[in-house]
Amino acid sequence: MGLYLAAALWAQDEGVPLRLLYDGFAPPLPYRWVRPPARLAAENQPPEAGAGSIALRAGSESEYASIGTGDGQAFVIFPPDAVAPSNNEAAARVTLTPLDPSTIGPPPEGTRIDGNAYRIAATYVASRRPAVLRRPVTVVLRYPTVGTGVLRFAVSGWIPLRTTNVHMALQDIAETDRLGIFAAAAPVGGPFAVLPGLPGGMAAVSGALGLILVIFILLRRRGASRRPAGVSSSSGP
């Protein structure tokens, strides 16, 4: 348990958006569905939205920001200089809205949506125009079963993004060069129930290792995002 708490405190100090999914002996908190499976409907709690702002300094880069939903199921991380400046704009507002993925479009063949979809949007505060990204941002989604990748919805349908899966933390992490609607995907035929927690102290050790891995991935991407604009980065499609 001490290892997990140490990792969590480190994450908090570094501004990494992670929640304590394990307490050492208990399974993860129940997933909050927009449209739950029938057998989970009675106990389901509605998912929470999220909102925040990014300061825009005139003639300089936008600030680093990590914005998530109140229940910790979705986050978006903006590295420094991710949002382009705009005349007479001091900030951009970011919103995360949970959606029923069945109302959006079918997933790629051989996959299913694992959990909710999330609309992630950013607008300049004064004009309410869509904010312009000039660096990739990182999307972090918690999934309820066996999510293996992040999808982004486009006119042509769902597009798979290059994803890092951290199953011990039940999270998928992907970079994207544009905002929109995102969801975690899982193989068709996978389980439709949250996997049981590990016994005893094994959950604490597994949770700590998963948390440390996620921290490492996000901090590495955060550092890479500070390269000069001409330097390439490993963003998804």
Protein backbone atom coordinates (compact mmCIF):
# COMPACT_ATOMS: atom_id res chain seq x y z
CA MET A 1 0.00 0.00 0.00
CA GLY A 2 2.87 2.38 0.80
CA LEU A 3 4.32 1.90 -2.69
CA TYR A 4 0.99 2.77 -4.26
CA LEU A 5 0.49 5.87 -2.13
CA ALA A 6 4.01 7.05 -2.89
CA ALA A 7 3.34 6.65 -6.60
CA ALA A 8 0.02 8.48 -6.29
CA LEU A 9 1.58 11.39 -4.41
CA TRP A 10 4.30 11.64 -7.04
CA ALA A 11 1.65 11.73 -9.75
CA GLN A 12 -0.17 14.53 -7.93
CA ASP A 13 3.01 16.59 -7.58
CA GLU A 14 3.73 16.20 -11.30
CA GLY A 15 0.18 17.10 -12.35
CA VAL A 16 -0.51 13.66 -13.79
CA PRO A 17 -4.29 12.93 -13.92
CA LEU A 18 -4.63 9.60 -12.17
CA ARG A 19 -7.15 8.30 -9.66
CA LEU A 20 -6.62 5.67 -6.97
CA LEU A 21 -8.28 2.70 -8.65
CA TYR A 22 -7.13 0.25 -5.98
CA ASP A 23 -7.06 0.62 -2.20
CA GLY A 24 -4.99 -2.52 -1.62
CA PHE A 25 -7.84 -4.94 -0.97
CA ALA A 26 -10.82 -3.74 -3.03
CA PRO A 27 -11.55 -3.98 -6.76
CA PRO A 28 -11.77 -0.83 -8.91
CA LEU A 29 -14.71 1.49 -8.37
CA PRO A 30 -17.75 0.55 -10.49
CA TYR A 31 -17.73 2.05 -13.94
CA ARG A 32 -20.33 4.77 -14.52
CA TRP A 33 -22.22 4.15 -17.75
CA VAL A 34 -24.33 6.52 -19.84
CA ARG A 35 -26.25 3.44 -20.99
CA PRO A 36 -25.35 0.49 -18.76
CA PRO A 37 -25.78 -3.18 -19.64
CA ALA A 38 -29.19 -4.36 -18.42
CA ARG A 39 -27.78 -6.43 -15.57
CA LEU A 40 -25.84 -3.42 -14.23
CA ALA A 41 -28.60 -0.82 -14.64
CA ALA A 42 -29.98 -1.05 -11.10
CA GLU A 43 -26.67 -0.16 -9.46
CA ASN A 44 -25.31 2.19 -12.11
CA GLN A 45 -24.45 5.77 -11.21
CA PRO A 46 -24.55 8.38 -14.00
CA PRO A 47 -21.13 9.44 -15.26
CA GLU A 48 -19.85 12.93 -14.55
CA ALA A 49 -18.81 15.58 -17.03
CA GLY A 50 -15.73 17.75 -16.68
CA ALA A 51 -14.60 21.28 -17.51
CA GLY A 52 -11.60 23.52 -17.05
CA SER A 53 -9.65 26.34 -18.63
CA ILE A 54 -6.25 26.91 -20.19
CA ALA A 55 -4.55 30.27 -19.76
CA LEU A 56 -3.34 31.92 -22.97
CA ARG A 57 -0.49 34.35 -22.56
CA ALA A 58 -0.35 37.03 -25.25
CA GLY A 59 2.59 36.51 -27.56
CA SER A 60 3.63 33.36 -25.70
CA GLU A 61 2.70 29.71 -25.29
CA SER A 62 -0.45 28.39 -23.67
CA GLU A 63 -0.03 26.83 -20.24
CA TYR A 64 0.09 23.13 -19.39
CA ALA A 65 -3.32 21.83 -18.29
CA SER A 66 -4.80 18.52 -17.21
CA ILE A 67 -8.61 18.48 -17.26
CA GLY A 68 -10.85 15.55 -16.40
CA THR A 69 -14.31 14.39 -15.49
CA GLY A 70 -15.40 14.45 -11.87
CA ASP A 71 -15.42 10.65 -11.66
CA GLY A 72 -11.96 10.27 -13.17
CA GLN A 73 -13.10 8.24 -16.18
CA ALA A 74 -11.72 10.62 -18.82
CA PHE A 75 -8.92 13.18 -18.96
CA VAL A 76 -7.27 15.33 -21.58
CA ILE A 77 -3.75 16.69 -21.11
CA PHE A 78 -2.64 19.83 -22.92
CA PRO A 79 1.15 20.27 -23.02
CA PRO A 80 2.63 23.78 -23.01
CA ASP A 81 1.96 25.63 -26.27
CA ALA A 82 -0.77 23.18 -27.33
CA VAL A 83 -3.40 25.88 -27.98
CA ALA A 84 -2.71 28.55 -30.57
CA PRO A 85 -3.04 32.16 -29.38
CA SER A 86 -5.88 34.28 -30.70
CA ASN A 87 -6.51 38.03 -30.65
CA ASN A 88 -8.20 39.30 -27.49
CA GLU A 89 -8.34 35.82 -25.97
CA ALA A 90 -6.99 35.20 -22.47
CA ALA A 91 -8.15 31.61 -22.02
CA ALA A 92 -9.67 28.57 -23.66
CA ARG A 93 -12.45 26.55 -22.03
CA VAL A 94 -12.32 22.75 -22.23
CA THR A 95 -15.30 20.44 -21.69
CA LEU A 96 -15.60 16.66 -21.47
CA THR A 97 -19.09 15.23 -21.96
CA PRO A 98 -19.98 11.52 -21.60
CA LEU A 99 -22.08 10.12 -24.45
CA ASP A 100 -23.87 6.91 -25.36
CA PRO A 101 -21.60 5.45 -28.07
CA SER A 102 -24.48 3.59 -29.72
CA THR A 103 -25.84 6.97 -30.88
CA ILE A 104 -22.62 7.89 -32.69
CA GLY A 105 -21.65 5.15 -35.10
CA PRO A 106 -20.60 1.50 -35.32
CA PRO A 107 -17.05 0.66 -34.23
CA PRO A 108 -14.49 -0.87 -36.61
CA GLU A 109 -15.09 -4.49 -37.58
CA GLY A 110 -14.04 -6.93 -34.89
CA THR A 111 -14.26 -4.40 -32.07
CA ARG A 112 -16.86 -3.00 -29.70
CA ILE A 113 -16.96 0.21 -27.68
CA ASP A 114 -15.87 -0.52 -24.11
CA GLY A 115 -17.65 2.00 -21.92
CA ASN A 116 -18.81 5.51 -22.71
CA ALA A 117 -17.80 7.81 -25.52
CA TYR A 118 -16.57 11.27 -24.52
CA ARG A 119 -16.88 14.50 -26.44
CA ILE A 120 -13.81 16.64 -25.73
CA ALA A 121 -14.06 20.23 -26.94
CA ALA A 122 -12.10 23.44 -26.48
CA THR A 123 -13.28 26.95 -27.31
CA TYR A 124 -11.81 30.41 -26.89
CA VAL A 125 -13.64 32.04 -23.99
CA ALA A 126 -14.36 35.48 -25.46
CA SER A 127 -15.40 34.54 -28.99
CA ARG A 128 -16.58 30.97 -28.27
CA ARG A 129 -14.86 29.86 -31.46
CA PRO A 130 -13.26 26.39 -31.51
CA ALA A 131 -9.73 26.55 -30.16
CA VAL A 132 -6.93 25.66 -32.56
CA LEU A 133 -4.42 23.01 -31.55
CA ARG A 134 -0.82 23.33 -32.64
CA ARG A 135 0.55 20.39 -30.64
CA PRO A 136 -0.93 16.94 -29.98
CA VAL A 137 -2.79 16.43 -26.72
CA THR A 138 -3.10 13.24 -24.68
CA VAL A 139 -6.43 11.53 -24.00
CA VAL A 140 -6.71 9.13 -21.04
CA LEU A 141 -9.81 6.93 -20.84
CA ARG A 142 -10.79 4.46 -18.16
CA TYR A 143 -12.61 1.41 -19.47
CA PRO A 144 -14.83 -1.13 -17.67
CA THR A 145 -13.67 -4.48 -19.10
CA VAL A 146 -10.79 -5.18 -21.49
CA GLY A 147 -10.29 -1.98 -23.49
CA THR A 148 -7.26 -2.22 -25.74
CA GLY A 149 -7.26 1.01 -27.74
CA VAL A 150 -8.63 4.52 -28.15
CA LEU A 151 -10.89 5.46 -31.06
CA ARG A 152 -11.63 8.95 -32.37
CA PHE A 153 -14.79 9.60 -34.37
CA ALA A 154 -14.49 11.29 -37.75
CA VAL A 155 -16.79 11.85 -40.74
CA SER A 156 -15.72 8.47 -42.12
CA GLY A 157 -16.34 6.69 -38.80
CA TRP A 158 -14.21 5.63 -35.86
CA ILE A 159 -10.44 5.91 -36.34
CA PRO A 160 -8.05 3.85 -34.17
CA LEU A 161 -5.32 5.87 -32.46
CA ARG A 162 -1.93 4.61 -31.43
CA THR A 163 -2.60 3.59 -27.85
CA THR A 164 -0.72 2.61 -24.72
CA ASN A 165 -2.82 0.22 -22.65
CA VAL A 166 -2.23 0.02 -18.90
CA HIS A 167 -4.56 -2.78 -17.87
CA MET A 168 -3.54 -2.72 -14.21
CA ALA A 169 -4.95 0.82 -14.08
CA LEU A 170 -7.84 0.06 -16.51
CA GLN A 171 -6.72 2.98 -18.69
CA ASP A 172 -5.97 3.61 -22.35
CA ILE A 173 -3.69 6.51 -23.29
CA ALA A 174 -3.44 8.04 -26.77
CA GLU A 175 -2.18 11.18 -28.43
CA THR A 176 -4.34 13.08 -30.91
CA ASP A 177 -3.78 16.15 -33.07
CA ARG A 178 -7.45 17.13 -32.92
CA LEU A 179 -10.32 17.07 -30.44
CA GLY A 180 -13.71 15.45 -30.90
CA ILE A 181 -15.40 12.26 -29.70
CA PHE A 182 -13.29 9.48 -28.19
CA ALA A 183 -13.97 6.00 -26.82
CA ALA A 184 -12.10 2.93 -25.66
CA ALA A 185 -12.41 -0.15 -27.85
CA ALA A 186 -12.26 -3.85 -27.01
CA PRO A 187 -12.28 -7.03 -29.09
CA VAL A 188 -15.69 -8.46 -29.92
CA GLY A 189 -16.47 -11.37 -27.63
CA GLY A 190 -14.50 -10.03 -24.68
CA PRO A 191 -15.98 -10.07 -21.16
CA PHE A 192 -18.72 -7.59 -20.29
CA ALA A 193 -17.99 -7.37 -16.57
CA VAL A 194 -15.29 -5.54 -14.67
CA LEU A 195 -12.52 -7.98 -13.87
CA PRO A 196 -12.34 -8.97 -10.18
CA GLY A 197 -9.73 -7.40 -7.94
CA LEU A 198 -6.61 -9.31 -6.99
CA PRO A 199 -6.51 -10.86 -3.51
CA GLY A 200 -4.92 -9.12 -0.57
CA GLY A 201 -1.79 -7.07 -1.02
CA MET A 202 -1.35 -8.23 -4.62
CA ALA A 203 -3.86 -5.55 -5.67
CA ALA A 204 -1.75 -2.84 -4.06
CA VAL A 205 1.42 -4.03 -5.78
CA SER A 206 -0.30 -4.38 -9.17
CA GLY A 207 -2.00 -1.01 -8.78
CA ALA A 208 1.30 0.66 -7.88
CA LEU A 209 3.10 -0.86 -10.85
CA GLY A 210 0.32 0.18 -13.19
CA LEU A 211 0.25 3.69 -11.76
CA ILE A 212 4.02 4.08 -12.06
CA LEU A 213 3.87 2.90 -15.68
CA VAL A 214 1.15 5.42 -16.55
CA ILE A 215 3.10 8.21 -14.83
CA PHE A 216 6.21 7.31 -16.81
CA ILE A 217 4.32 7.34 -20.10
CA LEU A 218 2.62 10.67 -19.45
CA LEU A 219 5.74 12.41 -18.16
CA ARG A 220 7.70 11.14 -21.14
CA ARG A 221 5.09 12.55 -23.50
CA ARG A 222 4.95 15.77 -21.51
CA GLY A 223 8.70 16.17 -21.91
CA ALA A 224 8.61 15.32 -25.60
CA SER A 225 5.91 17.93 -26.16
CA ARG A 226 8.39 20.62 -25.11
CA ARG A 227 10.58 20.02 -28.15
CA PRO A 228 10.69 22.82 -30.75
CA ALA A 229 7.66 22.85 -33.00
CA GLY A 230 9.65 21.50 -35.94
CA VAL A 231 10.56 18.31 -34.09
CA SER A 232 8.29 15.38 -34.86
CA SER A 233 6.31 13.54 -32.18
CA SER A 234 4.55 10.18 -32.09
CA SER A 235 0.94 11.29 -32.44
CA GLY A 236 -1.85 9.03 -33.60
CA PRO A 237 -3.66 9.33 -36.92
